[in-house]
Amino acid sequence: MNNPWKQNYESYTKDDHKVWRTLFNRQMELLPAVASKAYLEGLELIRFNGRRVPDFEKTNKILNKLTGWQLHEVPGIIPVKDFFNLMNQKKFSATTWLRKMSQLDYLQEPDMFHDVYAHAPMLTNRNFTNFMSGLSRIAVKHQNNPLALELLGRIYWFTVEFGMIREYDEKKIYGAGILSSHGETKFCMGSEMVPVPFDVTEILNSTYRTDQFQQKYFVIQSYEQLFHSIPEIEFVLGKMIQENNKRVA
């Protein structure tokens, strides 16, 4: 079945490529010093550059060869259930539209720069994608339980979107919500922001806001640690669901 949202590369205008170039070059002034090694290596592997908007077809060929993943075009934010179901098939939901020059610093809804520039490079890392697969497997298992999806959304938020990692005794960024934001990149690296050690139970009990910089960043020691946290996530989630069921019974 054809995807109606498939990228039409020829439809991008000179202004679109200019927006991409502006955003790309601006972030690359910051990220080499503060982004995770895995992200920077992934950026090279999928051959992104500041000249032109990425071609999904070319990117997917590289991703498929490296980890079996691919970008799957969607119109925008989709239901959490659908998002995790696609992820369980190694398909990462990505929009094909790009913000305007007047929207460089803030959007209510993620665009292609966030979905592709920030997320796609990490899809080249096998431990990271194994974590994504494990998380989506749990979500699909509980896909008809709104509480479970909400709690798993917190794991996703504080790792895939706003996670940090300790490399060579320095905190580095791997979360896409930071990597695509010029302001949050600077904010999270500030001396006043004390990173929080990665803790599954604390994350599952932590709420977040989407309309401001995060006030808490969880830091992993390695992507292996992230992947190996899947059994603990499933166990703690199960306990929280049981406790909730007892309260409402």
Protein backbone atom coordinates (compact mmCIF):
# COMPACT_ATOMS: atom_id res chain seq x y z
CA MET A 1 0.00 0.00 0.00
CA ASN A 2 1.38 3.36 -1.05
CA ASN A 3 1.98 5.94 1.65
CA PRO A 4 0.00 9.11 0.77
CA TRP A 5 2.49 11.18 2.76
CA LYS A 6 5.54 9.96 0.84
CA GLN A 7 8.19 12.62 0.38
CA ASN A 8 7.99 14.50 -2.92
CA TYR A 9 11.54 15.74 -3.07
CA GLU A 10 11.07 17.93 -6.14
CA SER A 11 8.43 19.97 -4.31
CA TYR A 12 10.98 21.59 -1.98
CA THR A 13 11.63 25.22 -2.86
CA LYS A 14 14.80 27.29 -2.66
CA ASP A 15 13.42 28.76 0.56
CA ASP A 16 13.00 25.26 2.02
CA HIS A 17 16.62 24.41 1.29
CA LYS A 18 17.65 27.78 2.74
CA VAL A 19 15.76 27.06 5.98
CA TRP A 20 17.39 23.64 6.22
CA ARG A 21 20.82 25.15 5.55
CA THR A 22 20.30 27.87 8.17
CA LEU A 23 19.15 25.43 10.85
CA PHE A 24 21.81 22.86 10.00
CA ASN A 25 24.70 25.30 10.02
CA ARG A 26 23.50 26.98 13.21
CA GLN A 27 23.33 23.69 15.11
CA MET A 28 26.66 22.51 13.74
CA GLU A 29 28.30 25.54 15.35
CA LEU A 30 27.33 24.00 18.72
CA LEU A 31 26.94 20.24 18.42
CA PRO A 32 30.47 19.03 17.63
CA ALA A 33 31.47 20.07 21.14
CA VAL A 34 28.39 18.88 23.03
CA ALA A 35 26.65 16.09 21.09
CA SER A 36 27.17 12.38 21.69
CA LYS A 37 29.80 10.66 19.60
CA ALA A 38 27.10 8.28 18.35
CA TYR A 39 25.05 11.16 17.00
CA LEU A 40 27.97 12.86 15.27
CA GLU A 41 29.10 9.58 13.73
CA GLY A 42 25.53 8.88 12.61
CA LEU A 43 25.31 12.29 10.98
CA GLU A 44 28.30 11.36 8.83
CA LEU A 45 27.03 7.86 8.10
CA ILE A 46 23.75 9.10 6.67
CA ARG A 47 25.57 11.89 4.82
CA PHE A 48 23.51 14.85 5.97
CA ASN A 49 24.88 18.25 5.04
CA GLY A 50 23.83 21.87 5.08
CA ARG A 51 23.39 22.23 1.36
CA ARG A 52 20.06 20.53 0.75
CA VAL A 53 17.10 18.90 2.48
CA PRO A 54 17.73 15.15 2.94
CA ASP A 55 16.20 12.70 0.49
CA PHE A 56 14.32 10.07 2.54
CA GLU A 57 14.84 7.39 -0.10
CA LYS A 58 18.62 7.76 0.06
CA THR A 59 18.60 7.99 3.86
CA ASN A 60 16.48 4.85 4.18
CA LYS A 61 18.85 2.82 2.06
CA ILE A 62 21.68 3.67 4.44
CA LEU A 63 19.63 3.10 7.59
CA ASN A 64 18.27 -0.19 6.36
CA LYS A 65 21.78 -1.46 5.67
CA LEU A 66 23.10 -0.36 9.07
CA THR A 67 20.28 -1.25 11.49
CA GLY A 68 17.24 -2.28 9.46
CA TRP A 69 15.35 0.90 10.36
CA GLN A 70 13.74 3.45 8.07
CA LEU A 71 11.98 6.80 8.12
CA HIS A 72 8.23 6.48 7.59
CA GLU A 73 6.48 9.59 6.33
CA VAL A 74 3.51 10.85 8.38
CA PRO A 75 1.50 14.10 8.11
CA GLY A 76 2.41 15.31 11.59
CA ILE A 77 1.92 14.13 15.16
CA ILE A 78 0.08 10.81 15.09
CA PRO A 79 -1.68 8.88 17.89
CA VAL A 80 0.73 7.34 20.41
CA LYS A 81 -0.63 3.87 19.66
CA ASP A 82 0.11 4.25 15.94
CA PHE A 83 3.52 5.76 16.65
CA PHE A 84 4.62 2.78 18.75
CA ASN A 85 3.13 0.29 16.31
CA LEU A 86 5.22 1.76 13.50
CA MET A 87 8.27 1.82 15.75
CA ASN A 88 7.73 -1.87 16.47
CA GLN A 89 8.17 -2.43 12.72
CA LYS A 90 11.44 -0.44 12.78
CA LYS A 91 9.72 2.52 11.16
CA PHE A 92 10.36 5.94 12.64
CA SER A 93 7.58 8.46 12.03
CA ALA A 94 8.86 11.56 10.25
CA THR A 95 7.18 14.53 8.67
CA THR A 96 8.28 15.91 5.31
CA TRP A 97 7.29 19.55 5.84
CA LEU A 98 9.78 22.16 6.95
CA ARG A 99 9.27 25.24 9.11
CA LYS A 100 9.46 28.74 7.66
CA MET A 101 12.30 31.19 8.23
CA SER A 102 10.08 33.09 10.69
CA GLN A 103 9.74 29.90 12.78
CA LEU A 104 13.42 29.05 13.30
CA ASP A 105 13.29 29.04 17.08
CA TYR A 106 9.90 27.64 18.04
CA LEU A 107 7.24 25.36 16.62
CA GLN A 108 4.21 23.89 18.34
CA GLU A 109 4.56 20.71 16.28
CA PRO A 110 7.84 19.01 15.26
CA ASP A 111 8.84 19.46 11.62
CA MET A 112 11.27 17.58 9.40
CA PHE A 113 14.32 19.27 10.88
CA HIS A 114 13.47 17.82 14.27
CA ASP A 115 12.30 14.45 12.97
CA VAL A 116 15.14 13.89 10.52
CA TYR A 117 18.18 15.98 11.47
CA ALA A 118 17.83 15.19 15.16
CA HIS A 119 16.45 11.64 15.15
CA ALA A 120 17.79 9.90 12.05
CA PRO A 121 21.52 9.91 12.97
CA MET A 122 20.78 7.98 16.19
CA LEU A 123 18.99 5.32 14.14
CA THR A 124 22.43 4.21 12.96
CA ASN A 125 23.36 3.04 16.47
CA ARG A 126 22.36 -0.57 17.11
CA ASN A 127 22.13 -0.42 20.91
CA PHE A 128 19.96 2.67 20.64
CA THR A 129 17.65 1.13 18.05
CA ASN A 130 17.46 -2.07 20.09
CA PHE A 131 16.23 0.09 22.98
CA MET A 132 13.64 1.66 20.67
CA SER A 133 12.49 -1.79 19.56
CA GLY A 134 12.24 -3.01 23.15
CA LEU A 135 10.26 0.04 24.22
CA SER A 136 7.85 -0.27 21.31
CA ARG A 137 7.36 -3.99 21.99
CA ILE A 138 6.18 -3.15 25.53
CA ALA A 139 3.94 -0.40 24.16
CA VAL A 140 2.30 -2.69 21.63
CA LYS A 141 1.67 -5.22 24.38
CA HIS A 142 -0.18 -2.51 26.35
CA GLN A 143 -1.55 -0.58 23.37
CA ASN A 144 -5.11 -0.52 24.72
CA ASN A 145 -4.03 0.77 28.14
CA PRO A 146 -3.87 4.61 28.17
CA LEU A 147 -1.96 4.68 31.47
CA ALA A 148 0.74 2.35 30.15
CA LEU A 149 1.16 4.42 26.99
CA GLU A 150 1.38 7.60 29.05
CA LEU A 151 4.07 6.12 31.29
CA LEU A 152 6.04 4.72 28.35
CA GLY A 153 5.75 8.16 26.77
CA ARG A 154 7.68 9.49 29.77
CA ILE A 155 10.48 6.99 29.13
CA TYR A 156 10.57 8.04 25.49
CA TRP A 157 10.52 11.73 26.41
CA PHE A 158 13.37 11.61 28.90
CA THR A 159 15.56 9.39 26.72
CA VAL A 160 14.94 9.59 22.96
CA GLU A 161 13.80 13.22 23.07
CA PHE A 162 15.71 14.77 25.99
CA GLY A 163 18.32 12.24 27.04
CA MET A 164 21.95 12.89 27.83
CA ILE A 165 24.92 10.54 28.10
CA ARG A 166 28.22 10.67 29.96
CA GLU A 167 31.17 10.27 27.61
CA TYR A 168 34.77 10.66 28.77
CA ASP A 169 33.39 12.06 32.05
CA GLU A 170 31.51 14.82 30.27
CA LYS A 171 27.77 15.13 29.71
CA LYS A 172 26.79 14.96 26.04
CA ILE A 173 23.48 15.21 24.21
CA TYR A 174 21.68 12.43 22.33
CA GLY A 175 18.04 13.50 22.77
CA ALA A 176 16.49 14.84 19.58
CA GLY A 177 14.45 17.50 21.35
CA ILE A 178 17.71 19.09 22.43
CA LEU A 179 19.71 18.40 19.26
CA SER A 180 17.20 20.26 17.10
CA SER A 181 16.86 23.24 19.45
CA HIS A 182 19.49 25.97 19.45
CA GLY A 183 18.19 27.39 22.71
CA GLU A 184 17.84 24.11 24.58
CA THR A 185 21.27 22.94 23.46
CA LYS A 186 22.77 25.94 25.22
CA PHE A 187 20.41 25.69 28.20
CA CYS A 188 21.00 22.03 29.05
CA MET A 189 24.78 22.46 28.94
CA GLY A 190 24.71 25.38 31.35
CA SER A 191 26.58 25.01 34.62
CA GLU A 192 23.36 25.48 36.61
CA MET A 193 21.79 22.36 35.07
CA VAL A 194 22.83 19.39 37.21
CA PRO A 195 22.21 16.11 35.32
CA VAL A 196 20.19 13.36 37.02
CA PRO A 197 21.46 9.75 36.89
CA PHE A 198 19.28 7.51 34.72
CA ASP A 199 16.66 5.85 36.91
CA VAL A 200 13.70 3.96 35.45
CA THR A 201 11.41 4.37 38.46
CA GLU A 202 12.09 8.09 38.75
CA ILE A 203 11.46 8.63 35.05
CA LEU A 204 8.17 6.73 35.17
CA ASN A 205 7.11 8.98 38.02
CA SER A 206 8.25 12.21 36.36
CA THR A 207 5.87 14.44 34.42
CA TYR A 208 7.06 16.94 31.82
CA ARG A 209 5.99 20.00 29.90
CA THR A 210 6.30 20.50 26.17
CA ASP A 211 6.14 24.30 26.16
CA GLN A 212 9.38 25.13 27.98
CA PHE A 213 12.97 23.99 28.40
CA GLN A 214 13.21 20.87 30.52
CA GLN A 215 14.09 21.24 34.18
CA LYS A 216 15.48 17.72 34.46
CA TYR A 217 17.82 15.75 32.17
CA PHE A 218 18.52 12.07 32.85
CA VAL A 219 22.03 10.91 31.99
CA ILE A 220 22.91 7.37 30.90
CA GLN A 221 26.40 5.88 31.10
CA SER A 222 26.16 4.07 27.77
CA TYR A 223 23.69 3.00 25.11
CA GLU A 224 24.15 -0.56 26.34
CA GLN A 225 22.77 0.60 29.68
CA LEU A 226 19.79 2.09 27.89
CA PHE A 227 19.08 -1.13 26.00
CA HIS A 228 19.55 -3.31 29.08
CA SER A 229 17.03 -1.20 31.00
CA ILE A 230 14.15 -2.68 28.97
CA PRO A 231 13.40 -5.58 31.41
CA GLU A 232 13.37 -3.14 34.32
CA ILE A 233 11.05 -0.78 32.44
CA GLU A 234 8.65 -3.63 31.76
CA PHE A 235 8.77 -4.82 35.39
CA VAL A 236 8.26 -1.40 37.01
CA LEU A 237 5.56 -0.50 34.49
CA GLY A 238 3.71 -3.70 35.34
CA LYS A 239 3.82 -2.90 39.05
CA MET A 240 2.52 0.63 38.47
CA ILE A 241 -0.35 -0.69 36.34
CA GLN A 242 -1.25 -3.24 39.04
CA GLU A 243 -1.21 -0.58 41.75
CA ASN A 244 -3.40 1.68 39.66
CA ASN A 245 -5.86 -1.13 38.99
CA LYS A 246 -6.15 -1.77 42.73
CA ARG A 247 -6.88 1.90 43.42
CA VAL A 248 -9.67 2.10 40.85
CA ALA A 249 -11.19 -1.32 41.61
